[in-house]
Amino acid sequence: MSDQDTHVPLPDLNSADPMAMGDVGYNDDEQVTRIAADLEAVFDVPVQVSAVLGRSKMDVGELLKLGPGTVLELDRKVGEAIDIYVNNRLVARGEVVLVEEKLGVTMTEIIKAERT
């Protein structure tokens, strides 16, 4: 058996055409169910998600002087989009929102990754 015999084509999740992801005979509901079933194996894989409001550079001496109430100047302006990382890879940009007195992030832009 060669490597080509075991190659299983994966659905193109970036395609705007839902029919490009699978068999033409499926309707939309069946297609979504099939794609979800294909991805079910990765549903329990843990990932680290970070929302970065901004960054700042400083010397260790300055860092040690920080205390409660210290204002830290970041490289972003108020209202500017924040970066959303998954496993240290930029995947989206978004805005900070308040949901039932808790901070959250709403994604406003998905970053298409370059495949290597």
PDB file of N, CA and C in Angstrom:
ATOM      1  N   MET A   1       0.861  -1.180   0.000  1.00  0.00           N
ATOM      2  CA  MET A   1       0.000   0.000   0.000  1.00  0.00           C
ATOM      3  C   MET A   1       0.898   1.232   0.000  1.00  0.00           C
ATOM      4  N   SER A   2       0.649   2.182  -0.888  1.00  0.00           N
ATOM      5  CA  SER A   2       1.457   3.394  -0.958  1.00  0.00           C
ATOM      6  C   SER A   2       0.846   4.492  -0.103  1.00  0.00           C
ATOM      7  N   ASP A   3       1.612   5.599   0.080  1.00  0.00           N
ATOM      8  CA  ASP A   3       1.100   6.734   0.848  1.00  0.00           C
ATOM      9  C   ASP A   3      -0.129   7.345   0.191  1.00  0.00           C
ATOM     10  N   GLN A   4      -0.187   7.278  -1.120  1.00  0.00           N
ATOM     11  CA  GLN A   4      -1.328   7.874  -1.827  1.00  0.00           C
ATOM     12  C   GLN A   4      -2.602   7.088  -1.578  1.00  0.00           C
ATOM     13  N   ASP A   5      -2.486   5.794  -1.289  1.00  0.00           N
ATOM     14  CA  ASP A   5      -3.668   4.982  -1.033  1.00  0.00           C
ATOM     15  C   ASP A   5      -4.336   5.349   0.282  1.00  0.00           C
ATOM     16  N   THR A   6      -3.559   5.866   1.245  1.00  0.00           N
ATOM     17  CA  THR A   6      -4.116   6.201   2.551  1.00  0.00           C
ATOM     18  C   THR A   6      -4.483   7.673   2.676  1.00  0.00           C
ATOM     19  N   HIS A   7      -4.275   8.466   1.625  1.00  0.00           N
ATOM     20  CA  HIS A   7      -4.575   9.900   1.672  1.00  0.00           C
ATOM     21  C   HIS A   7      -6.084  10.117   1.705  1.00  0.00           C
ATOM     22  N   VAL A   8      -6.558  10.800   2.730  1.00  0.00           N
ATOM     23  CA  VAL A   8      -7.973  11.133   2.857  1.00  0.00           C
ATOM     24  C   VAL A   8      -8.114  12.627   2.647  1.00  0.00           C
ATOM     25  N   PRO A   9      -8.870  13.054   1.636  1.00  0.00           N
ATOM     26  CA  PRO A   9      -9.004  14.498   1.405  1.00  0.00           C
ATOM     27  C   PRO A   9      -9.770  15.163   2.542  1.00  0.00           C
ATOM     28  N   LEU A  10      -9.272  16.304   2.999  1.00  0.00           N
ATOM     29  CA  LEU A  10      -9.930  17.061   4.061  1.00  0.00           C
ATOM     30  C   LEU A  10     -10.824  18.131   3.460  1.00  0.00           C
ATOM     31  N   PRO A  11     -11.922  18.478   4.120  1.00  0.00           N
ATOM     32  CA  PRO A  11     -12.791  19.532   3.591  1.00  0.00           C
ATOM     33  C   PRO A  11     -12.086  20.877   3.643  1.00  0.00           C
ATOM     34  N   ASP A  12     -12.351  21.725   2.653  1.00  0.00           N
ATOM     35  CA  ASP A  12     -11.795  23.073   2.621  1.00  0.00           C
ATOM     36  C   ASP A  12     -12.702  23.969   3.456  1.00  0.00           C
ATOM     37  N   LEU A  13     -12.325  24.204   4.722  1.00  0.00           N
ATOM     38  CA  LEU A  13     -13.167  24.982   5.635  1.00  0.00           C
ATOM     39  C   LEU A  13     -13.146  26.466   5.319  1.00  0.00           C
ATOM     40  N   ASN A  14     -12.199  26.915   4.470  1.00  0.00           N
ATOM     41  CA  ASN A  14     -12.118  28.322   4.102  1.00  0.00           C
ATOM     42  C   ASN A  14     -12.953  28.652   2.880  1.00  0.00           C
ATOM     43  N   SER A  15     -13.523  27.659   2.259  1.00  0.00           N
ATOM     44  CA  SER A  15     -14.286  27.871   1.041  1.00  0.00           C
ATOM     45  C   SER A  15     -15.631  28.516   1.354  1.00  0.00           C
ATOM     46  N   ALA A  16     -16.026  29.477   0.523  1.00  0.00           N
ATOM     47  CA  ALA A  16     -17.332  30.122   0.690  1.00  0.00           C
ATOM     48  C   ALA A  16     -18.431  29.228   0.128  1.00  0.00           C
ATOM     49  N   ASP A  17     -18.055  28.268  -0.717  1.00  0.00           N
ATOM     50  CA  ASP A  17     -19.006  27.374  -1.347  1.00  0.00           C
ATOM     51  C   ASP A  17     -19.168  26.126  -0.485  1.00  0.00           C
ATOM     52  N   PRO A  18     -20.338  25.943   0.166  1.00  0.00           N
ATOM     53  CA  PRO A  18     -20.495  24.786   1.041  1.00  0.00           C
ATOM     54  C   PRO A  18     -20.384  23.472   0.290  1.00  0.00           C
ATOM     55  N   MET A  19     -20.689  23.448  -0.987  1.00  0.00           N
ATOM     56  CA  MET A  19     -20.624  22.215  -1.747  1.00  0.00           C
ATOM     57  C   MET A  19     -19.186  21.842  -2.076  1.00  0.00           C
ATOM     58  N   ALA A  20     -18.259  22.769  -1.949  1.00  0.00           N
ATOM     59  CA  ALA A  20     -16.853  22.469  -2.214  1.00  0.00           C
ATOM     60  C   ALA A  20     -16.261  21.614  -1.104  1.00  0.00           C
ATOM     61  N   MET A  21     -16.984  21.447   0.000  1.00  0.00           N
ATOM     62  CA  MET A  21     -16.465  20.720   1.146  1.00  0.00           C
ATOM     63  C   MET A  21     -16.795  19.236   1.102  1.00  0.00           C
ATOM     64  N   GLY A  22     -17.599  18.785   0.191  1.00  0.00           N
ATOM     65  CA  GLY A  22     -17.934  17.370   0.249  1.00  0.00           C
ATOM     66  C   GLY A  22     -18.729  16.928  -0.955  1.00  0.00           C
ATOM     67  N   ASP A  23     -19.485  15.846  -0.737  1.00  0.00           N
ATOM     68  CA  ASP A  23     -20.265  15.267  -1.814  1.00  0.00           C
ATOM     69  C   ASP A  23     -21.398  16.183  -2.219  1.00  0.00           C
ATOM     70  N   VAL A  24     -21.689  16.224  -3.505  1.00  0.00           N
ATOM     71  CA  VAL A  24     -22.711  17.125  -4.031  1.00  0.00           C
ATOM     72  C   VAL A  24     -24.101  16.682  -3.610  1.00  0.00           C
ATOM     73  N   GLY A  25     -24.282  15.414  -3.260  1.00  0.00           N
ATOM     74  CA  GLY A  25     -25.598  14.897  -2.938  1.00  0.00           C
ATOM     75  C   GLY A  25     -26.134  15.305  -1.583  1.00  0.00           C
ATOM     76  N   TYR A  26     -25.357  15.931  -0.737  1.00  0.00           N
ATOM     77  CA  TYR A  26     -25.804  16.308   0.602  1.00  0.00           C
ATOM     78  C   TYR A  26     -26.517  17.651   0.575  1.00  0.00           C
ATOM     79  N   ASN A  27     -27.557  17.780   1.428  1.00  0.00           N
ATOM     80  CA  ASN A  27     -28.137  19.107   1.599  1.00  0.00           C
ATOM     81  C   ASN A  27     -27.358  19.822   2.690  1.00  0.00           C
ATOM     82  N   ASP A  28     -27.672  21.090   2.950  1.00  0.00           N
ATOM     83  CA  ASP A  28     -26.896  21.900   3.888  1.00  0.00           C
ATOM     84  C   ASP A  28     -26.849  21.301   5.291  1.00  0.00           C
ATOM     85  N   ASP A  29     -27.982  20.814   5.826  1.00  0.00           N
ATOM     86  CA  ASP A  29     -28.015  20.258   7.178  1.00  0.00           C
ATOM     87  C   ASP A  29     -27.142  19.013   7.279  1.00  0.00           C
ATOM     88  N   GLU A  30     -27.236  18.141   6.278  1.00  0.00           N
ATOM     89  CA  GLU A  30     -26.409  16.940   6.281  1.00  0.00           C
ATOM     90  C   GLU A  30     -24.934  17.301   6.159  1.00  0.00           C
ATOM     91  N   GLN A  31     -24.633  18.331   5.366  1.00  0.00           N
ATOM     92  CA  GLN A  31     -23.244  18.758   5.163  1.00  0.00           C
ATOM     93  C   GLN A  31     -22.647  19.272   6.470  1.00  0.00           C
ATOM     94  N   VAL A  32     -23.376  20.097   7.197  1.00  0.00           N
ATOM     95  CA  VAL A  32     -22.890  20.634   8.475  1.00  0.00           C
ATOM     96  C   VAL A  32     -22.685  19.508   9.466  1.00  0.00           C
ATOM     97  N   THR A  33     -23.609  18.563   9.530  1.00  0.00           N
ATOM     98  CA  THR A  33     -23.493  17.431  10.440  1.00  0.00           C
ATOM     99  C   THR A  33     -22.271  16.590  10.084  1.00  0.00           C
ATOM    100  N   ARG A  34     -22.024  16.380   8.801  1.00  0.00           N
ATOM    101  CA  ARG A  34     -20.885  15.585   8.356  1.00  0.00           C
ATOM    102  C   ARG A  34     -19.574  16.288   8.723  1.00  0.00           C
ATOM    103  N   ILE A  35     -19.489  17.602   8.518  1.00  0.00           N
ATOM    104  CA  ILE A  35     -18.272  18.342   8.842  1.00  0.00           C
ATOM    105  C   ILE A  35     -18.034  18.304  10.348  1.00  0.00           C
ATOM    106  N   ALA A  36     -19.074  18.500  11.148  1.00  0.00           N
ATOM    107  CA  ALA A  36     -18.938  18.442  12.601  1.00  0.00           C
ATOM    108  C   ALA A  36     -18.460  17.060  13.031  1.00  0.00           C
ATOM    109  N   ALA A  37     -18.977  16.009  12.408  1.00  0.00           N
ATOM    110  CA  ALA A  37     -18.551  14.650  12.750  1.00  0.00           C
ATOM    111  C   ALA A  37     -17.094  14.438  12.366  1.00  0.00           C
ATOM    112  N   ASP A  38     -16.662  15.003  11.237  1.00  0.00           N
ATOM    113  CA  ASP A  38     -15.273  14.872  10.804  1.00  0.00           C
ATOM    114  C   ASP A  38     -14.322  15.547  11.785  1.00  0.00           C
ATOM    115  N   LEU A  39     -14.759  16.625  12.419  1.00  0.00           N
ATOM    116  CA  LEU A  39     -13.911  17.386  13.335  1.00  0.00           C
ATOM    117  C   LEU A  39     -14.046  16.941  14.789  1.00  0.00           C
ATOM    118  N   GLU A  40     -14.952  16.016  15.054  1.00  0.00           N
ATOM    119  CA  GLU A  40     -15.237  15.619  16.432  1.00  0.00           C
ATOM    120  C   GLU A  40     -13.999  15.104  17.172  1.00  0.00           C
ATOM    121  N   ALA A  41     -13.061  14.530  16.465  1.00  0.00           N
ATOM    122  CA  ALA A  41     -11.864  13.985  17.107  1.00  0.00           C
ATOM    123  C   ALA A  41     -11.009  15.066  17.771  1.00  0.00           C
ATOM    124  N   VAL A  42     -11.115  16.320  17.338  1.00  0.00           N
ATOM    125  CA  VAL A  42     -10.293  17.390  17.905  1.00  0.00           C
ATOM    126  C   VAL A  42     -11.054  18.271  18.893  1.00  0.00           C
ATOM    127  N   PHE A  43     -12.305  17.989  19.160  1.00  0.00           N
ATOM    128  CA  PHE A  43     -13.103  18.825  20.052  1.00  0.00           C
ATOM    129  C   PHE A  43     -12.533  18.902  21.464  1.00  0.00           C
ATOM    130  N   ASP A  44     -11.888  17.858  21.953  1.00  0.00           N
ATOM    131  CA  ASP A  44     -11.373  17.827  23.329  1.00  0.00           C
ATOM    132  C   ASP A  44      -9.899  18.190  23.428  1.00  0.00           C
ATOM    133  N   VAL A  45      -9.295  18.670  22.337  1.00  0.00           N
ATOM    134  CA  VAL A  45      -7.888  19.059  22.366  1.00  0.00           C
ATOM    135  C   VAL A  45      -7.780  20.420  23.053  1.00  0.00           C
ATOM    136  N   PRO A  46      -7.018  20.513  24.158  1.00  0.00           N
ATOM    137  CA  PRO A  46      -6.919  21.805  24.853  1.00  0.00           C
ATOM    138  C   PRO A  46      -6.044  22.790  24.078  1.00  0.00           C
ATOM    139  N   VAL A  47      -6.455  24.039  24.062  1.00  0.00           N
ATOM    140  CA  VAL A  47      -5.687  25.111  23.433  1.00  0.00           C
ATOM    141  C   VAL A  47      -5.607  26.279  24.401  1.00  0.00           C
ATOM    142  N   GLN A  48      -4.572  27.099  24.246  1.00  0.00           N
ATOM    143  CA  GLN A  48      -4.409  28.285  25.078  1.00  0.00           C
ATOM    144  C   GLN A  48      -4.866  29.489  24.263  1.00  0.00           C
ATOM    145  N   VAL A  49      -5.822  30.232  24.790  1.00  0.00           N
ATOM    146  CA  VAL A  49      -6.349  31.411  24.114  1.00  0.00           C
ATOM    147  C   VAL A  49      -5.933  32.644  24.911  1.00  0.00           C
ATOM    148  N   SER A  50      -5.338  33.627  24.215  1.00  0.00           N
ATOM    149  CA  SER A  50      -4.898  34.869  24.855  1.00  0.00           C
ATOM    150  C   SER A  50      -5.473  36.054  24.109  1.00  0.00           C
ATOM    151  N   ALA A  51      -5.952  37.036  24.848  1.00  0.00           N
ATOM    152  CA  ALA A  51      -6.411  38.296  24.269  1.00  0.00           C
ATOM    153  C   ALA A  51      -5.432  39.370  24.736  1.00  0.00           C
ATOM    154  N   VAL A  52      -4.695  39.932  23.796  1.00  0.00           N
ATOM    155  CA  VAL A  52      -3.637  40.885  24.127  1.00  0.00           C
ATOM    156  C   VAL A  52      -4.147  42.307  23.908  1.00  0.00           C
ATOM    157  N   LEU A  53      -4.241  43.050  25.016  1.00  0.00           N
ATOM    158  CA  LEU A  53      -4.710  44.436  24.954  1.00  0.00           C
ATOM    159  C   LEU A  53      -3.641  45.358  24.395  1.00  0.00           C
ATOM    160  N   GLY A  54      -2.387  45.042  24.643  1.00  0.00           N
ATOM    161  CA  GLY A  54      -1.272  45.853  24.180  1.00  0.00           C
ATOM    162  C   GLY A  54       0.014  45.348  24.796  1.00  0.00           C
ATOM    163  N   ARG A  55       1.120  45.980  24.415  1.00  0.00           N
ATOM    164  CA  ARG A  55       2.432  45.569  24.909  1.00  0.00           C
ATOM    165  C   ARG A  55       3.198  46.797  25.387  1.00  0.00           C
ATOM    166  N   SER A  56       4.181  46.525  26.247  1.00  0.00           N
ATOM    167  CA  SER A  56       5.046  47.580  26.746  1.00  0.00           C
ATOM    168  C   SER A  56       6.428  46.990  27.008  1.00  0.00           C
ATOM    169  N   LYS A  57       7.476  47.763  26.737  1.00  0.00           N
ATOM    170  CA  LYS A  57       8.848  47.324  27.016  1.00  0.00           C
ATOM    171  C   LYS A  57       9.392  48.143  28.167  1.00  0.00           C
ATOM    172  N   MET A  58      10.141  47.468  29.047  1.00  0.00           N
ATOM    173  CA  MET A  58      10.771  48.167  30.160  1.00  0.00           C
ATOM    174  C   MET A  58      11.944  47.359  30.674  1.00  0.00           C
ATOM    175  N   ASP A  59      12.821  48.006  31.394  1.00  0.00           N
ATOM    176  CA  ASP A  59      13.941  47.334  32.027  1.00  0.00           C
ATOM    177  C   ASP A  59      13.450  46.580  33.256  1.00  0.00           C
ATOM    178  N   VAL A  60      14.222  45.591  33.692  1.00  0.00           N
ATOM    179  CA  VAL A  60      13.859  44.806  34.876  1.00  0.00           C
ATOM    180  C   VAL A  60      13.726  45.715  36.091  1.00  0.00           C
ATOM    181  N   GLY A  61      14.593  46.735  36.197  1.00  0.00           N
ATOM    182  CA  GLY A  61      14.511  47.667  37.326  1.00  0.00           C
ATOM    183  C   GLY A  61      13.174  48.387  37.370  1.00  0.00           C
ATOM    184  N   GLU A  62      12.684  48.805  36.207  1.00  0.00           N
ATOM    185  CA  GLU A  62      11.369  49.462  36.138  1.00  0.00           C
ATOM    186  C   GLU A  62      10.259  48.481  36.492  1.00  0.00           C
ATOM    187  N   LEU A  63      10.400  47.249  36.039  1.00  0.00           N
ATOM    188  CA  LEU A  63       9.400  46.217  36.318  1.00  0.00           C
ATOM    189  C   LEU A  63       9.276  45.971  37.818  1.00  0.00           C
ATOM    190  N   LEU A  64      10.413  45.955  38.506  1.00  0.00           N
ATOM    191  CA  LEU A  64      10.407  45.700  39.951  1.00  0.00           C
ATOM    192  C   LEU A  64       9.791  46.848  40.745  1.00  0.00           C
ATOM    193  N   LYS A  65       9.746  48.046  40.154  1.00  0.00           N
ATOM    194  CA  LYS A  65       9.155  49.205  40.828  1.00  0.00           C
ATOM    195  C   LYS A  65       7.636  49.256  40.694  1.00  0.00           C
ATOM    196  N   LEU A  66       7.052  48.395  39.836  1.00  0.00           N
ATOM    197  CA  LEU A  66       5.594  48.402  39.647  1.00  0.00           C
ATOM    198  C   LEU A  66       4.902  47.927  40.913  1.00  0.00           C
ATOM    199  N   GLY A  67       3.765  48.519  41.192  1.00  0.00           N
ATOM    200  CA  GLY A  67       2.985  48.137  42.362  1.00  0.00           C
ATOM    201  C   GLY A  67       1.515  48.380  42.100  1.00  0.00           C
ATOM    202  N   PRO A  68       0.685  48.093  43.086  1.00  0.00           N
ATOM    203  CA  PRO A  68      -0.753  48.337  42.932  1.00  0.00           C
ATOM    204  C   PRO A  68      -1.030  49.794  42.582  1.00  0.00           C
ATOM    205  N   GLY A  69      -1.873  50.007  41.599  1.00  0.00           N
ATOM    206  CA  GLY A  69      -2.240  51.356  41.191  1.00  0.00           C
ATOM    207  C   GLY A  69      -1.331  51.964  40.139  1.00  0.00           C
ATOM    208  N   THR A  70      -0.251  51.278  39.788  1.00  0.00           N
ATOM    209  CA  THR A  70       0.659  51.792  38.759  1.00  0.00           C
ATOM    210  C   THR A  70      -0.028  51.752  37.403  1.00  0.00           C
ATOM    211  N   VAL A  71       0.080  52.825  36.654  1.00  0.00           N
ATOM    212  CA  VAL A  71      -0.471  52.880  35.302  1.00  0.00           C
ATOM    213  C   VAL A  71       0.629  52.487  34.333  1.00  0.00           C
ATOM    214  N   LEU A  72       0.351  51.511  33.512  1.00  0.00           N
ATOM    215  CA  LEU A  72       1.315  50.998  32.557  1.00  0.00           C
ATOM    216  C   LEU A  72       0.880  51.422  31.160  1.00  0.00           C
ATOM    217  N   GLU A  73       1.708  52.183  30.468  1.00  0.00           N
ATOM    218  CA  GLU A  73       1.372  52.660  29.132  1.00  0.00           C
ATOM    219  C   GLU A  73       1.595  51.539  28.121  1.00  0.00           C
ATOM    220  N   LEU A  74       0.576  51.257  27.314  1.00  0.00           N
ATOM    221  CA  LEU A  74       0.643  50.216  26.292  1.00  0.00           C
ATOM    222  C   LEU A  74       0.805  50.835  24.914  1.00  0.00           C
ATOM    223  N   ASP A  75       1.128  50.014  23.938  1.00  0.00           N
ATOM    224  CA  ASP A  75       1.359  50.490  22.577  1.00  0.00           C
ATOM    225  C   ASP A  75       0.078  50.612  21.749  1.00  0.00           C
ATOM    226  N   ARG A  76      -1.088  50.552  22.373  1.00  0.00           N
ATOM    227  CA  ARG A  76      -2.371  50.654  21.668  1.00  0.00           C
ATOM    228  C   ARG A  76      -3.154  51.849  22.174  1.00  0.00           C
ATOM    229  N   LYS A  77      -4.042  52.329  21.327  1.00  0.00           N
ATOM    230  CA  LYS A  77      -4.925  53.436  21.703  1.00  0.00           C
ATOM    231  C   LYS A  77      -6.273  52.890  22.156  1.00  0.00           C
ATOM    232  N   VAL A  78      -7.013  53.684  22.899  1.00  0.00           N
ATOM    233  CA  VAL A  78      -8.352  53.310  23.341  1.00  0.00           C
ATOM    234  C   VAL A  78      -9.215  53.069  22.111  1.00  0.00           C
ATOM    235  N   GLY A  79      -9.946  51.968  22.102  1.00  0.00           N
ATOM    236  CA  GLY A  79     -10.828  51.644  20.992  1.00  0.00           C
ATOM    237  C   GLY A  79     -10.157  50.866  19.869  1.00  0.00           C
ATOM    238  N   GLU A  80      -8.840  50.747  19.918  1.00  0.00           N
ATOM    239  CA  GLU A  80      -8.125  49.991  18.891  1.00  0.00           C
ATOM    240  C   GLU A  80      -8.356  48.496  19.112  1.00  0.00           C
ATOM    241  N   ALA A  81      -8.399  47.722  18.026  1.00  0.00           N
ATOM    242  CA  ALA A  81      -8.647  46.284  18.121  1.00  0.00           C
ATOM    243  C   ALA A  81      -7.553  45.585  18.924  1.00  0.00           C
ATOM    244  N   ILE A  82      -7.959  44.554  19.649  1.00  0.00           N
ATOM    245  CA  ILE A  82      -6.994  43.749  20.394  1.00  0.00           C
ATOM    246  C   ILE A  82      -6.673  42.493  19.584  1.00  0.00           C
ATOM    247  N   ASP A  83      -5.539  41.868  19.871  1.00  0.00           N
ATOM    248  CA  ASP A  83      -5.134  40.657  19.169  1.00  0.00           C
ATOM    249  C   ASP A  83      -5.574  39.428  19.956  1.00  0.00           C
ATOM    250  N   ILE A  84      -6.059  38.420  19.248  1.00  0.00           N
ATOM    251  CA  ILE A  84      -6.484  37.164  19.862  1.00  0.00           C
ATOM    252  C   ILE A  84      -5.571  36.064  19.330  1.00  0.00           C
ATOM    253  N   TYR A  85      -4.890  35.397  20.256  1.00  0.00           N
ATOM    254  CA  TYR A  85      -3.951  34.343  19.907  1.00  0.00           C
ATOM    255  C   TYR A  85      -4.484  32.992  20.373  1.00  0.00           C
ATOM    256  N   VAL A  86      -4.253  31.958  19.592  1.00  0.00           N
ATOM    257  CA  VAL A  86      -4.515  30.583  20.000  1.00  0.00           C
ATOM    258  C   VAL A  86      -3.188  29.846  19.878  1.00  0.00           C
ATOM    259  N   ASN A  87      -2.725  29.306  20.991  1.00  0.00           N
ATOM    260  CA  ASN A  87      -1.414  28.644  21.053  1.00  0.00           C
ATOM    261  C   ASN A  87      -0.320  29.530  20.468  1.00  0.00           C
ATOM    262  N   ASN A  88      -0.313  30.784  20.890  1.00  0.00           N
ATOM    263  CA  ASN A  88       0.698  31.778  20.495  1.00  0.00           C
ATOM    264  C   ASN A  88       0.697  32.100  19.008  1.00  0.00           C
ATOM    265  N   ARG A  89      -0.396  31.838  18.322  1.00  0.00           N
ATOM    266  CA  ARG A  89      -0.518  32.176  16.904  1.00  0.00           C
ATOM    267  C   ARG A  89      -1.695  33.142  16.745  1.00  0.00           C
ATOM    268  N   LEU A  90      -1.430  34.290  16.109  1.00  0.00           N
ATOM    269  CA  LEU A  90      -2.485  35.284  15.896  1.00  0.00           C
ATOM    270  C   LEU A  90      -3.562  34.702  14.987  1.00  0.00           C
ATOM    271  N   VAL A  91      -4.806  34.661  15.485  1.00  0.00           N
ATOM    272  CA  VAL A  91      -5.902  34.095  14.701  1.00  0.00           C
ATOM    273  C   VAL A  91      -7.026  35.095  14.442  1.00  0.00           C
ATOM    274  N   ALA A  92      -7.109  36.157  15.256  1.00  0.00           N
ATOM    275  CA  ALA A  92      -8.222  37.092  15.092  1.00  0.00           C
ATOM    276  C   ALA A  92      -7.914  38.418  15.780  1.00  0.00           C
ATOM    277  N   ARG A  93      -8.741  39.400  15.470  1.00  0.00           N
ATOM    278  CA  ARG A  93      -8.727  40.680  16.182  1.00  0.00           C
ATOM    279  C   ARG A  93     -10.139  40.898  16.708  1.00  0.00           C
ATOM    280  N   GLY A  94     -10.231  41.664  17.785  1.00  0.00           N
ATOM    281  CA  GLY A  94     -11.547  41.850  18.369  1.00  0.00           C
ATOM    282  C   GLY A  94     -11.631  43.072  19.250  1.00  0.00           C
ATOM    283  N   GLU A  95     -12.756  43.172  19.946  1.00  0.00           N
ATOM    284  CA  GLU A  95     -13.024  44.291  20.837  1.00  0.00           C
ATOM    285  C   GLU A  95     -13.395  43.757  22.213  1.00  0.00           C
ATOM    286  N   VAL A  96     -13.022  44.498  23.238  1.00  0.00           N
ATOM    287  CA  VAL A  96     -13.386  44.135  24.607  1.00  0.00           C
ATOM    288  C   VAL A  96     -14.847  44.513  24.819  1.00  0.00           C
ATOM    289  N   VAL A  97     -15.610  43.591  25.424  1.00  0.00           N
ATOM    290  CA  VAL A  97     -17.022  43.837  25.716  1.00  0.00           C
ATOM    291  C   VAL A  97     -17.296  43.476  27.176  1.00  0.00           C
ATOM    292  N   LEU A  98     -18.373  43.991  27.694  1.00  0.00           N
ATOM    293  CA  LEU A  98     -18.803  43.690  29.053  1.00  0.00           C
ATOM    294  C   LEU A  98     -20.056  42.823  28.960  1.00  0.00           C
ATOM    295  N   VAL A  99     -19.997  41.613  29.545  1.00  0.00           N
ATOM    296  CA  VAL A  99     -21.122  40.685  29.511  1.00  0.00           C
ATOM    297  C   VAL A  99     -21.437  40.283  30.939  1.00  0.00           C
ATOM    298  N   GLU A 100     -22.586  40.708  31.435  1.00  0.00           N
ATOM    299  CA  GLU A 100     -23.012  40.404  32.807  1.00  0.00           C
ATOM    300  C   GLU A 100     -21.906  40.690  33.815  1.00  0.00           C
ATOM    301  N   GLU A 101     -21.354  41.876  33.739  1.00  0.00           N
ATOM    302  CA  GLU A 101     -20.321  42.382  34.640  1.00  0.00           C
ATOM    303  C   GLU A 101     -18.997  41.624  34.553  1.00  0.00           C
ATOM    304  N   LYS A 102     -18.792  40.894  33.462  1.00  0.00           N
ATOM    305  CA  LYS A 102     -17.514  40.220  33.215  1.00  0.00           C
ATOM    306  C   LYS A 102     -16.975  40.713  31.878  1.00  0.00           C
ATOM    307  N   LEU A 103     -15.632  40.791  31.792  1.00  0.00           N
ATOM    308  CA  LEU A 103     -15.016  41.195  30.533  1.00  0.00           C
ATOM    309  C   LEU A 103     -15.015  40.024  29.562  1.00  0.00           C
ATOM    310  N   GLY A 104     -15.221  40.334  28.300  1.00  0.00           N
ATOM    311  CA  GLY A 104     -15.171  39.335  27.243  1.00  0.00           C
ATOM    312  C   GLY A 104     -14.577  39.960  25.997  1.00  0.00           C
ATOM    313  N   VAL A 105     -14.443  39.174  24.982  1.00  0.00           N
ATOM    314  CA  VAL A 105     -13.903  39.646  23.713  1.00  0.00           C
ATOM    315  C   VAL A 105     -14.839  39.186  22.605  1.00  0.00           C
ATOM    316  N   THR A 106     -15.167  40.097  21.718  1.00  0.00           N
ATOM    317  CA  THR A 106     -15.929  39.731  20.539  1.00  0.00           C
ATOM    318  C   THR A 106     -14.997  39.819  19.338  1.00  0.00           C
ATOM    319  N   MET A 107     -14.980  38.776  18.522  1.00  0.00           N
ATOM    320  CA  MET A 107     -14.095  38.756  17.357  1.00  0.00           C
ATOM    321  C   MET A 107     -14.703  39.584  16.237  1.00  0.00           C
ATOM    322  N   THR A 108     -13.906  40.494  15.687  1.00  0.00           N
ATOM    323  CA  THR A 108     -14.373  41.343  14.593  1.00  0.00           C
ATOM    324  C   THR A 108     -13.678  41.022  13.277  1.00  0.00           C
ATOM    325  N   GLU A 109     -12.557  40.303  13.362  1.00  0.00           N
ATOM    326  CA  GLU A 109     -11.795  39.984  12.152  1.00  0.00           C
ATOM    327  C   GLU A 109     -11.052  38.670  12.367  1.00  0.00           C
ATOM    328  N   ILE A 110     -11.200  37.736  11.450  1.00  0.00           N
ATOM    329  CA  ILE A 110     -10.460  36.480  11.496  1.00  0.00           C
ATOM    330  C   ILE A 110      -9.232  36.639  10.607  1.00  0.00           C
ATOM    331  N   ILE A 111      -8.068  36.271  11.135  1.00  0.00           N
ATOM    332  CA  ILE A 111      -6.820  36.374  10.394  1.00  0.00           C
ATOM    333  C   ILE A 111      -6.568  35.062   9.684  1.00  0.00           C
ATOM    334  N   LYS A 112      -6.473  35.106   8.366  1.00  0.00           N
ATOM    335  CA  LYS A 112      -6.205  33.893   7.597  1.00  0.00           C
ATOM    336  C   LYS A 112      -4.714  33.579   7.711  1.00  0.00           C
ATOM    337  N   ALA A 113      -4.408  32.389   8.210  1.00  0.00           N
ATOM    338  CA  ALA A 113      -3.026  31.988   8.431  1.00  0.00           C
ATOM    339  C   ALA A 113      -2.398  31.509   7.133  1.00  0.00           C
ATOM    340  N   GLU A 114      -1.117  31.814   6.980  1.00  0.00           N
ATOM    341  CA  GLU A 114      -0.351  31.279   5.865  1.00  0.00           C
ATOM    342  C   GLU A 114       0.027  29.848   6.214  1.00  0.00           C
ATOM    343  N   ARG A 115      -0.254  28.929   5.336  1.00  0.00           N
ATOM    344  CA  ARG A 115       0.085  27.522   5.593  1.00  0.00           C
ATOM    345  C   ARG A 115       1.508  27.259   5.138  1.00  0.00           C
ATOM    346  N   THR A 116       2.258  26.562   6.000  1.00  0.00           N
ATOM    347  CA  THR A 116       3.649  26.252   5.651  1.00  0.00           C
ATOM    348  C   THR A 116       3.821  24.790   5.362  1.00  0.00           C
TER     349      THR A 116
END
